[in-house]
Amino acid sequence: MPHRSRGFTLVELLVVIAIIGILIGLLLPAVQAAREAGRRSSCMNNMKQLTLAFHNHENALKTFPLAYTDTTQPGKNNWAPFVLPYVEQQNLNAGYNLALDWWVEPNRTLVANHLSVFQCTSNPEPNRIQDKPETTPPNKTGACGDYFTPAGVHKDINLALPTAQQFPTTLDLRGVICWYTDANRTNRIADITDGTSNSILLGECAGREDVWRRGIRYQNDFTSSPKIRARGGAWATTDNAYEIGQRVAWDAAFGPIPGTLQINNSNEWGHCFYSFHPAGANFAYADGSVRLLSEQTDLYVLATQVTRAGGETTSGQ
C-alpha cells in the first residue's frame, strides 16, 4: 500500500503555537531591556559630551557658562548657546548672536533646530517644539531638549524632609551651574568646594513642555482650564534651569504637584529630575563622570549632590 504522510492534528498545532507564544513572551522582555540599555547608554553619551563641552568652555574662558545670563540686560540666553562650539555645532554658533535674546532673529531660526545631543533617546517624542504665547510678540519658540542644569536646591525642599535632614536657611544651596545674580556673576571650578565628583552639573528633565507625572502624559495646553505646561522645554530657553525641591505647577490650578518628591515623579519646573528610563535617571557630575541614580535615591542625599558648596554630609540618609 502507498505510504501516506501524517499531518499535524489540530491539538498538536495548538500546542506548537502555545509553545511559540510562551517563547516570545519570555524573549520580549529581554529584547526590550536590551534596547533600553542601548538607549540609556546613548543618553549617557550625550550627557558626557555636554559635560566635556562645559569643561572645554572653562578651559578656554576660565569659567563655566551661567545657567542664564543677566535678565536685566539684552542678550537673555541660557548655557546651551555657549557650549555649541564644543559639541560640533560651529555653524549654529557662527550665526548665533549672544547680544540678542534667544527667541528673536537671527537666534530664533537657529534654536528651531532639533539637536540630538540635547535629546534623550528614551524619550518617546524627542522632536518637540516649545511655542509659548507672549503678550508682546513674538512667541518664545524653539526646539526642545531633555537636559538641564540644576541651579541649586530650593528652601521648599525642607517641607518634604524630616526635621533632622532639613537644610539651614543660611546654607549655600547653589548648584554647579547657577544663574546670574549680583552674588553669582560667574561659575568657577574653584566654587565647587564639595568636590567635583560629588556635585551634579547636568541632569535629566525630559519631555517638557508636556507635563509628565509618574509616566502619565498631560499634553501642553495654554488655553485649557487649568492650563498645562512643564515650563522650560526649549533647549535655548532661560527657563531651562531651576532649583529642585518645589511643588508649584505652572498654573496653580493644576497643582500642587502630587506624589513623592523624588526622581521620576514629575518633569514640572522646580520639582526634581525626570527621565524615561525605568527606575532611574542619568546624571553628569562636575568631574566628567555620568551615572544612573535610582528613583529610590534618598532626597536628602540627592540634594547634597546638587549643591556645590553646601558642606553637607550624608549621615542623615
C-alpha atoms as a PDB file:
ATOM      1  CA  MET A   1       0.000   0.000   0.000  1.00  0.00           C
ATOM      2  CA  PRO A   2       1.241   3.523  -0.744  1.00  0.00           C
ATOM      3  CA  HIS A   3       2.629   5.382   2.292  1.00  0.00           C
ATOM      4  CA  ARG A   4       0.508   8.327   3.378  1.00  0.00           C
ATOM      5  CA  SER A   5       2.284  11.136   5.262  1.00  0.00           C
ATOM      6  CA  ARG A   6       0.715  12.098   8.568  1.00  0.00           C
ATOM      7  CA  GLY A   7      -0.011  15.821   9.164  1.00  0.00           C
ATOM      8  CA  PHE A   8      -0.354  17.702  12.437  1.00  0.00           C
ATOM      9  CA  THR A   9      -3.571  17.252  14.314  1.00  0.00           C
ATOM     10  CA  LEU A  10      -5.375  20.374  15.491  1.00  0.00           C
ATOM     11  CA  VAL A  11      -4.339  19.680  19.090  1.00  0.00           C
ATOM     12  CA  GLU A  12      -0.669  19.342  18.132  1.00  0.00           C
ATOM     13  CA  LEU A  13      -0.807  22.564  16.118  1.00  0.00           C
ATOM     14  CA  LEU A  14      -2.334  24.440  19.045  1.00  0.00           C
ATOM     15  CA  VAL A  15       0.387  23.083  21.356  1.00  0.00           C
ATOM     16  CA  VAL A  16       3.122  24.299  18.970  1.00  0.00           C
ATOM     17  CA  ILE A  17       1.505  27.728  18.723  1.00  0.00           C
ATOM     18  CA  ALA A  18       1.234  27.902  22.517  1.00  0.00           C
ATOM     19  CA  ILE A  19       4.928  26.993  22.913  1.00  0.00           C
ATOM     20  CA  ILE A  20       5.929  29.650  20.397  1.00  0.00           C
ATOM     21  CA  GLY A  21       3.799  32.194  22.247  1.00  0.00           C
ATOM     22  CA  ILE A  22       5.471  31.310  25.547  1.00  0.00           C
ATOM     23  CA  LEU A  23       8.943  31.619  23.998  1.00  0.00           C
ATOM     24  CA  ILE A  24       8.092  35.026  22.544  1.00  0.00           C
ATOM     25  CA  GLY A  25       6.704  36.096  25.914  1.00  0.00           C
ATOM     26  CA  LEU A  26       9.976  35.066  27.562  1.00  0.00           C
ATOM     27  CA  LEU A  27      12.203  36.706  24.953  1.00  0.00           C
ATOM     28  CA  LEU A  28      10.329  40.010  24.525  1.00  0.00           C
ATOM     29  CA  PRO A  29      11.226  41.494  27.935  1.00  0.00           C
ATOM     30  CA  ALA A  30      14.880  40.615  27.324  1.00  0.00           C
ATOM     31  CA  VAL A  31      14.794  42.299  23.910  1.00  0.00           C
ATOM     32  CA  GLN A  32      13.096  45.375  25.364  1.00  0.00           C
ATOM     33  CA  ALA A  33      15.612  45.521  28.219  1.00  0.00           C
ATOM     34  CA  ALA A  34      18.499  45.305  25.747  1.00  0.00           C
ATOM     35  CA  ARG A  35      17.029  48.109  23.647  1.00  0.00           C
ATOM     36  CA  GLU A  36      16.534  50.318  26.710  1.00  0.00           C
ATOM     37  CA  ALA A  37      20.104  49.612  27.819  1.00  0.00           C
ATOM     38  CA  GLY A  38      21.267  50.877  24.440  1.00  0.00           C
ATOM     39  CA  ARG A  39      19.096  53.980  24.679  1.00  0.00           C
ATOM     40  CA  ARG A  40      20.283  54.673  28.212  1.00  0.00           C
ATOM     41  CA  SER A  41      23.890  54.334  27.082  1.00  0.00           C
ATOM     42  CA  SER A  42      23.256  56.760  24.214  1.00  0.00           C
ATOM     43  CA  CYS A  43      21.700  59.236  26.653  1.00  0.00           C
ATOM     44  CA  MET A  44      24.731  58.930  28.932  1.00  0.00           C
ATOM     45  CA  ASN A  45      26.989  59.593  25.952  1.00  0.00           C
ATOM     46  CA  ASN A  46      25.068  62.808  25.181  1.00  0.00           C
ATOM     47  CA  MET A  47      25.500  63.961  28.759  1.00  0.00           C
ATOM     48  CA  LYS A  48      29.184  63.061  28.666  1.00  0.00           C
ATOM     49  CA  GLN A  49      29.653  65.187  25.534  1.00  0.00           C
ATOM     50  CA  LEU A  50      27.849  68.117  27.134  1.00  0.00           C
ATOM     51  CA  THR A  51      29.879  67.850  30.330  1.00  0.00           C
ATOM     52  CA  LEU A  52      33.106  67.846  28.311  1.00  0.00           C
ATOM     53  CA  ALA A  53      31.779  70.906  26.458  1.00  0.00           C
ATOM     54  CA  PHE A  54      31.325  72.699  29.784  1.00  0.00           C
ATOM     55  CA  HIS A  55      34.903  71.866  30.696  1.00  0.00           C
ATOM     56  CA  ASN A  56      36.240  72.962  27.315  1.00  0.00           C
ATOM     57  CA  HIS A  57      34.426  76.264  27.829  1.00  0.00           C
ATOM     58  CA  GLU A  58      36.002  76.536  31.274  1.00  0.00           C
ATOM     59  CA  ASN A  59      39.449  75.730  29.871  1.00  0.00           C
ATOM     60  CA  ALA A  60      39.074  78.444  27.246  1.00  0.00           C
ATOM     61  CA  LEU A  61      37.457  81.175  29.356  1.00  0.00           C
ATOM     62  CA  LYS A  62      38.324  80.132  32.940  1.00  0.00           C
ATOM     63  CA  THR A  63      34.658  79.925  33.877  1.00  0.00           C
ATOM     64  CA  PHE A  64      31.662  77.707  33.225  1.00  0.00           C
ATOM     65  CA  PRO A  65      28.648  79.225  31.431  1.00  0.00           C
ATOM     66  CA  LEU A  66      25.880  80.674  33.573  1.00  0.00           C
ATOM     67  CA  ALA A  67      22.571  78.829  33.832  1.00  0.00           C
ATOM     68  CA  TYR A  68      21.227  82.042  32.301  1.00  0.00           C
ATOM     69  CA  THR A  69      22.640  85.493  31.807  1.00  0.00           C
ATOM     70  CA  ASP A  70      21.695  88.824  33.413  1.00  0.00           C
ATOM     71  CA  THR A  71      17.960  89.187  32.718  1.00  0.00           C
ATOM     72  CA  THR A  72      18.102  92.971  33.158  1.00  0.00           C
ATOM     73  CA  GLN A  73      20.303  93.265  30.069  1.00  0.00           C
ATOM     74  CA  PRO A  74      19.830  92.478  26.353  1.00  0.00           C
ATOM     75  CA  GLY A  75      21.087  89.073  25.306  1.00  0.00           C
ATOM     76  CA  LYS A  76      18.999  86.821  27.536  1.00  0.00           C
ATOM     77  CA  ASN A  77      20.466  83.359  26.967  1.00  0.00           C
ATOM     78  CA  ASN A  78      20.979  80.145  28.869  1.00  0.00           C
ATOM     79  CA  TRP A  79      24.067  77.917  28.938  1.00  0.00           C
ATOM     80  CA  ALA A  80      23.352  75.984  25.729  1.00  0.00           C
ATOM     81  CA  PRO A  81      24.483  78.560  23.105  1.00  0.00           C
ATOM     82  CA  PHE A  82      27.774  78.940  24.969  1.00  0.00           C
ATOM     83  CA  VAL A  83      28.660  75.243  24.567  1.00  0.00           C
ATOM     84  CA  LEU A  84      27.596  74.909  20.905  1.00  0.00           C
ATOM     85  CA  PRO A  85      31.139  75.257  19.524  1.00  0.00           C
ATOM     86  CA  TYR A  86      32.267  72.392  21.774  1.00  0.00           C
ATOM     87  CA  VAL A  87      29.608  69.900  20.594  1.00  0.00           C
ATOM     88  CA  GLU A  88      30.382  70.168  16.867  1.00  0.00           C
ATOM     89  CA  GLN A  89      27.795  72.883  16.241  1.00  0.00           C
ATOM     90  CA  GLN A  90      30.165  75.530  14.920  1.00  0.00           C
ATOM     91  CA  ASN A  91      27.760  76.512  12.116  1.00  0.00           C
ATOM     92  CA  LEU A  92      24.955  77.270  14.578  1.00  0.00           C
ATOM     93  CA  ASN A  93      27.392  79.037  16.838  1.00  0.00           C
ATOM     94  CA  ALA A  94      28.674  81.199  13.986  1.00  0.00           C
ATOM     95  CA  GLY A  95      25.181  82.547  13.294  1.00  0.00           C
ATOM     96  CA  TYR A  96      24.119  82.961  16.927  1.00  0.00           C
ATOM     97  CA  ASN A  97      24.189  86.456  18.399  1.00  0.00           C
ATOM     98  CA  LEU A  98      24.724  86.319  22.161  1.00  0.00           C
ATOM     99  CA  ALA A  99      23.994  90.056  22.378  1.00  0.00           C
ATOM    100  CA  LEU A 100      20.350  89.320  21.462  1.00  0.00           C
ATOM    101  CA  ASP A 101      17.623  87.359  23.260  1.00  0.00           C
ATOM    102  CA  TRP A 102      17.312  83.689  22.355  1.00  0.00           C
ATOM    103  CA  TRP A 103      13.782  83.982  20.898  1.00  0.00           C
ATOM    104  CA  VAL A 104      14.449  86.815  18.384  1.00  0.00           C
ATOM    105  CA  GLU A 105      16.132  86.658  14.990  1.00  0.00           C
ATOM    106  CA  PRO A 106      18.672  85.514  13.955  1.00  0.00           C
ATOM    107  CA  ASN A 107      18.708  83.284  17.046  1.00  0.00           C
ATOM    108  CA  ARG A 108      15.042  82.340  16.632  1.00  0.00           C
ATOM    109  CA  THR A 109      15.683  80.415  13.420  1.00  0.00           C
ATOM    110  CA  LEU A 110      18.744  78.672  14.847  1.00  0.00           C
ATOM    111  CA  VAL A 111      17.102  77.444  18.056  1.00  0.00           C
ATOM    112  CA  ALA A 112      14.348  75.781  15.991  1.00  0.00           C
ATOM    113  CA  ASN A 113      16.920  73.092  15.127  1.00  0.00           C
ATOM    114  CA  HIS A 114      16.459  69.746  16.855  1.00  0.00           C
ATOM    115  CA  LEU A 115      19.893  68.761  18.192  1.00  0.00           C
ATOM    116  CA  SER A 116      20.357  65.100  19.123  1.00  0.00           C
ATOM    117  CA  VAL A 117      22.970  65.956  21.752  1.00  0.00           C
ATOM    118  CA  PHE A 118      20.208  67.673  23.772  1.00  0.00           C
ATOM    119  CA  GLN A 119      17.759  64.749  23.380  1.00  0.00           C
ATOM    120  CA  CYS A 120      17.376  61.591  25.440  1.00  0.00           C
ATOM    121  CA  THR A 121      16.956  58.614  23.115  1.00  0.00           C
ATOM    122  CA  SER A 122      14.431  57.012  25.506  1.00  0.00           C
ATOM    123  CA  ASN A 123      12.047  59.922  25.007  1.00  0.00           C
ATOM    124  CA  PRO A 124       9.019  58.689  23.020  1.00  0.00           C
ATOM    125  CA  GLU A 125       8.685  62.110  21.342  1.00  0.00           C
ATOM    126  CA  PRO A 126      12.114  63.746  21.044  1.00  0.00           C
ATOM    127  CA  ASN A 127      11.338  66.309  18.308  1.00  0.00           C
ATOM    128  CA  ARG A 128       9.074  68.646  20.269  1.00  0.00           C
ATOM    129  CA  ILE A 129       8.626  72.402  19.897  1.00  0.00           C
ATOM    130  CA  GLN A 130       8.012  74.972  22.604  1.00  0.00           C
ATOM    131  CA  ASP A 131       5.709  77.732  21.374  1.00  0.00           C
ATOM    132  CA  LYS A 132       4.872  79.878  24.376  1.00  0.00           C
ATOM    133  CA  PRO A 133       2.488  82.793  23.662  1.00  0.00           C
ATOM    134  CA  GLU A 134       3.632  86.237  24.790  1.00  0.00           C
ATOM    135  CA  THR A 135       1.614  89.403  25.353  1.00  0.00           C
ATOM    136  CA  THR A 136       4.127  91.161  23.116  1.00  0.00           C
ATOM    137  CA  PRO A 137       5.059  89.101  20.025  1.00  0.00           C
ATOM    138  CA  PRO A 138       6.929  87.063  19.056  1.00  0.00           C
ATOM    139  CA  ASN A 139       6.159  83.852  20.907  1.00  0.00           C
ATOM    140  CA  LYS A 140       9.056  82.207  22.712  1.00  0.00           C
ATOM    141  CA  THR A 141       9.563  79.348  20.282  1.00  0.00           C
ATOM    142  CA  GLY A 142      12.287  76.737  19.973  1.00  0.00           C
ATOM    143  CA  ALA A 143      13.143  73.055  19.646  1.00  0.00           C
ATOM    144  CA  CYS A 144      13.029  71.191  22.939  1.00  0.00           C
ATOM    145  CA  GLY A 145      15.710  69.336  24.872  1.00  0.00           C
ATOM    146  CA  ASP A 146      15.747  66.859  27.757  1.00  0.00           C
ATOM    147  CA  TYR A 147      18.679  68.030  29.890  1.00  0.00           C
ATOM    148  CA  PHE A 148      19.011  70.892  32.353  1.00  0.00           C
ATOM    149  CA  THR A 149      21.465  72.414  34.785  1.00  0.00           C
ATOM    150  CA  PRO A 150      20.163  72.226  38.374  1.00  0.00           C
ATOM    151  CA  ALA A 151      20.837  75.732  39.665  1.00  0.00           C
ATOM    152  CA  GLY A 152      20.603  74.647  43.289  1.00  0.00           C
ATOM    153  CA  VAL A 153      18.209  73.455  45.972  1.00  0.00           C
ATOM    154  CA  HIS A 154      15.107  75.473  46.863  1.00  0.00           C
ATOM    155  CA  LYS A 155      14.281  76.065  50.516  1.00  0.00           C
ATOM    156  CA  ASP A 156      10.856  74.444  49.964  1.00  0.00           C
ATOM    157  CA  ILE A 157      12.600  71.071  49.919  1.00  0.00           C
ATOM    158  CA  ASN A 158      12.500  71.227  53.729  1.00  0.00           C
ATOM    159  CA  LEU A 159       8.744  70.639  53.510  1.00  0.00           C
ATOM    160  CA  ALA A 160       9.499  67.136  52.188  1.00  0.00           C
ATOM    161  CA  LEU A 161      12.385  66.320  54.532  1.00  0.00           C
ATOM    162  CA  PRO A 162      12.285  65.062  58.115  1.00  0.00           C
ATOM    163  CA  THR A 163      13.385  67.606  60.692  1.00  0.00           C
ATOM    164  CA  ALA A 164      16.815  66.046  61.181  1.00  0.00           C
ATOM    165  CA  GLN A 165      17.620  66.407  57.456  1.00  0.00           C
ATOM    166  CA  GLN A 166      16.305  69.914  56.803  1.00  0.00           C
ATOM    167  CA  PHE A 167      18.728  72.447  55.364  1.00  0.00           C
ATOM    168  CA  PRO A 168      19.570  75.574  57.414  1.00  0.00           C
ATOM    169  CA  THR A 169      18.288  78.730  55.733  1.00  0.00           C
ATOM    170  CA  THR A 170      21.814  80.194  55.865  1.00  0.00           C
ATOM    171  CA  LEU A 171      23.393  77.318  53.886  1.00  0.00           C
ATOM    172  CA  ASP A 172      24.755  77.966  50.383  1.00  0.00           C
ATOM    173  CA  LEU A 173      22.432  75.836  48.251  1.00  0.00           C
ATOM    174  CA  ARG A 174      23.642  76.972  44.816  1.00  0.00           C
ATOM    175  CA  GLY A 175      24.383  74.384  42.147  1.00  0.00           C
ATOM    176  CA  VAL A 176      27.452  73.957  39.954  1.00  0.00           C
ATOM    177  CA  ILE A 177      25.819  75.881  37.095  1.00  0.00           C
ATOM    178  CA  CYS A 178      23.895  78.692  38.770  1.00  0.00           C
ATOM    179  CA  TRP A 179      22.214  81.691  37.125  1.00  0.00           C
ATOM    180  CA  TYR A 180      23.383  85.283  37.165  1.00  0.00           C
ATOM    181  CA  THR A 181      22.854  87.329  40.322  1.00  0.00           C
ATOM    182  CA  ASP A 182      24.893  90.085  41.902  1.00  0.00           C
ATOM    183  CA  ALA A 183      26.324  87.391  44.168  1.00  0.00           C
ATOM    184  CA  ASN A 184      26.872  84.893  41.319  1.00  0.00           C
ATOM    185  CA  ARG A 185      28.433  86.577  38.296  1.00  0.00           C
ATOM    186  CA  THR A 186      30.471  83.501  37.349  1.00  0.00           C
ATOM    187  CA  ASN A 187      30.549  79.733  37.894  1.00  0.00           C
ATOM    188  CA  ARG A 188      34.085  78.505  38.548  1.00  0.00           C
ATOM    189  CA  ILE A 189      35.569  75.110  39.349  1.00  0.00           C
ATOM    190  CA  ALA A 190      37.005  76.681  42.489  1.00  0.00           C
ATOM    191  CA  ASP A 191      33.420  77.308  43.669  1.00  0.00           C
ATOM    192  CA  ILE A 192      32.801  73.529  43.865  1.00  0.00           C
ATOM    193  CA  THR A 193      34.153  73.019  47.364  1.00  0.00           C
ATOM    194  CA  ASP A 194      32.020  69.894  47.897  1.00  0.00           C
ATOM    195  CA  GLY A 195      34.195  68.169  45.283  1.00  0.00           C
ATOM    196  CA  THR A 196      33.604  67.734  41.551  1.00  0.00           C
ATOM    197  CA  SER A 197      32.874  64.005  41.926  1.00  0.00           C
ATOM    198  CA  ASN A 198      30.137  64.808  44.452  1.00  0.00           C
ATOM    199  CA  SER A 199      28.435  67.651  42.568  1.00  0.00           C
ATOM    200  CA  ILE A 200      25.859  67.264  39.773  1.00  0.00           C
ATOM    201  CA  LEU A 201      26.435  69.508  36.760  1.00  0.00           C
ATOM    202  CA  LEU A 202      23.682  68.255  34.440  1.00  0.00           C
ATOM    203  CA  GLY A 203      20.534  66.202  34.946  1.00  0.00           C
ATOM    204  CA  GLU A 204      17.505  64.949  33.046  1.00  0.00           C
ATOM    205  CA  CYS A 205      14.176  66.740  32.923  1.00  0.00           C
ATOM    206  CA  ALA A 206      12.752  65.021  29.875  1.00  0.00           C
ATOM    207  CA  GLY A 207       9.534  65.601  27.962  1.00  0.00           C
ATOM    208  CA  ARG A 208       8.910  69.292  28.633  1.00  0.00           C
ATOM    209  CA  GLU A 209       6.688  71.250  27.570  1.00  0.00           C
ATOM    210  CA  ASP A 210       4.196  68.415  28.062  1.00  0.00           C
ATOM    211  CA  VAL A 211       3.633  67.550  31.703  1.00  0.00           C
ATOM    212  CA  TRP A 212       4.605  64.031  32.760  1.00  0.00           C
ATOM    213  CA  ARG A 213       3.570  62.740  36.190  1.00  0.00           C
ATOM    214  CA  ARG A 214       4.674  59.180  37.027  1.00  0.00           C
ATOM    215  CA  GLY A 215       4.570  58.111  33.381  1.00  0.00           C
ATOM    216  CA  ILE A 216       1.235  59.756  32.590  1.00  0.00           C
ATOM    217  CA  ARG A 217       1.322  62.476  29.940  1.00  0.00           C
ATOM    218  CA  TYR A 218      -0.719  65.677  30.102  1.00  0.00           C
ATOM    219  CA  GLN A 219      -0.329  67.476  26.787  1.00  0.00           C
ATOM    220  CA  ASN A 220       0.828  71.082  26.867  1.00  0.00           C
ATOM    221  CA  ASP A 221      -2.202  73.387  26.505  1.00  0.00           C
ATOM    222  CA  PHE A 222      -2.142  77.155  27.002  1.00  0.00           C
ATOM    223  CA  THR A 223      -5.928  77.542  26.571  1.00  0.00           C
ATOM    224  CA  SER A 224      -7.369  74.747  28.739  1.00  0.00           C
ATOM    225  CA  SER A 225      -8.608  75.164  32.290  1.00  0.00           C
ATOM    226  CA  PRO A 226      -6.361  74.550  34.080  1.00  0.00           C
ATOM    227  CA  LYS A 227      -3.542  75.446  31.717  1.00  0.00           C
ATOM    228  CA  ILE A 228      -0.991  72.665  31.309  1.00  0.00           C
ATOM    229  CA  ARG A 229       2.699  73.289  30.894  1.00  0.00           C
ATOM    230  CA  ALA A 230       6.008  71.876  32.069  1.00  0.00           C
ATOM    231  CA  ARG A 231       7.931  75.126  31.804  1.00  0.00           C
ATOM    232  CA  GLY A 232      11.389  75.162  30.254  1.00  0.00           C
ATOM    233  CA  GLY A 233      11.150  72.893  27.209  1.00  0.00           C
ATOM    234  CA  ALA A 234      13.258  74.681  24.582  1.00  0.00           C
ATOM    235  CA  TRP A 235      16.955  73.852  24.764  1.00  0.00           C
ATOM    236  CA  ALA A 236      17.759  77.555  24.470  1.00  0.00           C
ATOM    237  CA  THR A 237      15.198  78.921  26.932  1.00  0.00           C
ATOM    238  CA  THR A 238      16.240  80.826  30.033  1.00  0.00           C
ATOM    239  CA  ASP A 239      13.614  78.705  31.823  1.00  0.00           C
ATOM    240  CA  ASN A 240      15.792  75.609  31.374  1.00  0.00           C
ATOM    241  CA  ALA A 241      17.421  75.672  34.818  1.00  0.00           C
ATOM    242  CA  TYR A 242      15.713  75.587  38.203  1.00  0.00           C
ATOM    243  CA  GLU A 243      16.250  74.866  41.881  1.00  0.00           C
ATOM    244  CA  ILE A 244      14.894  71.432  42.861  1.00  0.00           C
ATOM    245  CA  GLY A 245      12.506  70.801  45.735  1.00  0.00           C
ATOM    246  CA  GLN A 246       9.318  72.643  44.722  1.00  0.00           C
ATOM    247  CA  ARG A 247       5.708  71.574  44.082  1.00  0.00           C
ATOM    248  CA  VAL A 248       4.314  74.623  42.263  1.00  0.00           C
ATOM    249  CA  ALA A 249       2.630  73.867  38.908  1.00  0.00           C
ATOM    250  CA  TRP A 250       2.899  76.454  36.098  1.00  0.00           C
ATOM    251  CA  ASP A 251      -0.835  77.045  36.509  1.00  0.00           C
ATOM    252  CA  ALA A 252      -1.609  76.921  40.226  1.00  0.00           C
ATOM    253  CA  ALA A 253      -4.975  75.320  39.401  1.00  0.00           C
ATOM    254  CA  PHE A 254      -3.096  72.241  38.103  1.00  0.00           C
ATOM    255  CA  GLY A 255      -1.125  71.939  41.331  1.00  0.00           C
ATOM    256  CA  PRO A 256       0.331  71.421  43.734  1.00  0.00           C
ATOM    257  CA  ILE A 257       2.408  68.705  42.067  1.00  0.00           C
ATOM    258  CA  PRO A 258       1.233  65.395  43.600  1.00  0.00           C
ATOM    259  CA  GLY A 259       3.243  62.372  44.626  1.00  0.00           C
ATOM    260  CA  THR A 260       6.526  61.828  46.415  1.00  0.00           C
ATOM    261  CA  LEU A 261       9.253  64.396  45.771  1.00  0.00           C
ATOM    262  CA  GLN A 262      11.751  62.104  44.057  1.00  0.00           C
ATOM    263  CA  ILE A 263      13.361  61.219  40.744  1.00  0.00           C
ATOM    264  CA  ASN A 264      10.777  60.472  38.009  1.00  0.00           C
ATOM    265  CA  ASN A 265       7.768  61.821  39.894  1.00  0.00           C
ATOM    266  CA  SER A 266       7.192  64.852  37.623  1.00  0.00           C
ATOM    267  CA  ASN A 267       9.038  66.856  34.973  1.00  0.00           C
ATOM    268  CA  GLU A 268       7.486  70.157  36.040  1.00  0.00           C
ATOM    269  CA  TRP A 269       9.795  73.127  36.545  1.00  0.00           C
ATOM    270  CA  GLY A 270      11.299  73.328  40.011  1.00  0.00           C
ATOM    271  CA  HIS A 271      10.287  69.837  41.148  1.00  0.00           C
ATOM    272  CA  CYS A 272      13.070  67.273  40.789  1.00  0.00           C
ATOM    273  CA  PHE A 273      14.559  65.209  37.934  1.00  0.00           C
ATOM    274  CA  TYR A 274      12.628  63.212  35.331  1.00  0.00           C
ATOM    275  CA  SER A 275      13.562  60.653  32.689  1.00  0.00           C
ATOM    276  CA  PHE A 276      12.002  57.909  30.577  1.00  0.00           C
ATOM    277  CA  HIS A 277      14.466  55.296  31.827  1.00  0.00           C
ATOM    278  CA  PRO A 278      12.875  52.618  34.008  1.00  0.00           C
ATOM    279  CA  ALA A 279      13.578  53.122  37.715  1.00  0.00           C
ATOM    280  CA  GLY A 280      16.075  55.976  37.463  1.00  0.00           C
ATOM    281  CA  ALA A 281      17.659  58.903  35.619  1.00  0.00           C
ATOM    282  CA  ASN A 282      21.100  59.835  34.302  1.00  0.00           C
ATOM    283  CA  PHE A 283      23.277  62.474  35.950  1.00  0.00           C
ATOM    284  CA  ALA A 284      26.509  64.125  34.819  1.00  0.00           C
ATOM    285  CA  TYR A 285      28.895  65.225  37.547  1.00  0.00           C
ATOM    286  CA  ALA A 286      31.375  68.072  37.529  1.00  0.00           C
ATOM    287  CA  ASP A 287      34.290  65.629  37.301  1.00  0.00           C
ATOM    288  CA  GLY A 288      33.001  64.436  33.916  1.00  0.00           C
ATOM    289  CA  SER A 289      31.504  61.153  35.107  1.00  0.00           C
ATOM    290  CA  VAL A 290      27.934  60.125  34.209  1.00  0.00           C
ATOM    291  CA  ARG A 291      25.882  57.864  36.480  1.00  0.00           C
ATOM    292  CA  LEU A 292      22.400  56.388  36.686  1.00  0.00           C
ATOM    293  CA  LEU A 293      20.714  57.153  40.012  1.00  0.00           C
ATOM    294  CA  SER A 294      17.741  55.115  41.196  1.00  0.00           C
ATOM    295  CA  GLU A 295      14.275  56.588  41.673  1.00  0.00           C
ATOM    296  CA  GLN A 296      14.653  55.476  45.279  1.00  0.00           C
ATOM    297  CA  THR A 297      17.685  57.697  45.910  1.00  0.00           C
ATOM    298  CA  ASP A 298      17.196  59.424  49.247  1.00  0.00           C
ATOM    299  CA  LEU A 299      16.011  63.010  48.681  1.00  0.00           C
ATOM    300  CA  TYR A 300      18.483  64.476  51.160  1.00  0.00           C
ATOM    301  CA  VAL A 301      21.387  62.603  49.552  1.00  0.00           C
ATOM    302  CA  LEU A 302      20.262  63.766  46.107  1.00  0.00           C
ATOM    303  CA  ALA A 303      20.009  67.376  47.257  1.00  0.00           C
ATOM    304  CA  THR A 304      23.508  67.317  48.772  1.00  0.00           C
ATOM    305  CA  GLN A 305      24.823  66.278  45.356  1.00  0.00           C
ATOM    306  CA  VAL A 306      23.071  69.209  43.685  1.00  0.00           C
ATOM    307  CA  THR A 307      24.778  71.817  45.884  1.00  0.00           C
ATOM    308  CA  ARG A 308      28.347  72.776  45.071  1.00  0.00           C
ATOM    309  CA  ALA A 309      29.445  74.290  48.376  1.00  0.00           C
ATOM    310  CA  GLY A 310      26.937  73.217  50.994  1.00  0.00           C
ATOM    311  CA  GLY A 311      29.468  71.287  53.022  1.00  0.00           C
ATOM    312  CA  GLU A 312      26.730  68.792  53.884  1.00  0.00           C
ATOM    313  CA  THR A 313      27.237  65.213  54.999  1.00  0.00           C
ATOM    314  CA  THR A 314      25.048  62.253  54.124  1.00  0.00           C
ATOM    315  CA  SER A 315      24.999  60.838  57.619  1.00  0.00           C
ATOM    316  CA  GLY A 316      21.270  61.555  57.787  1.00  0.00           C
ATOM    317  CA  GLN A 317      20.383  59.250  54.905  1.00  0.00           C
END
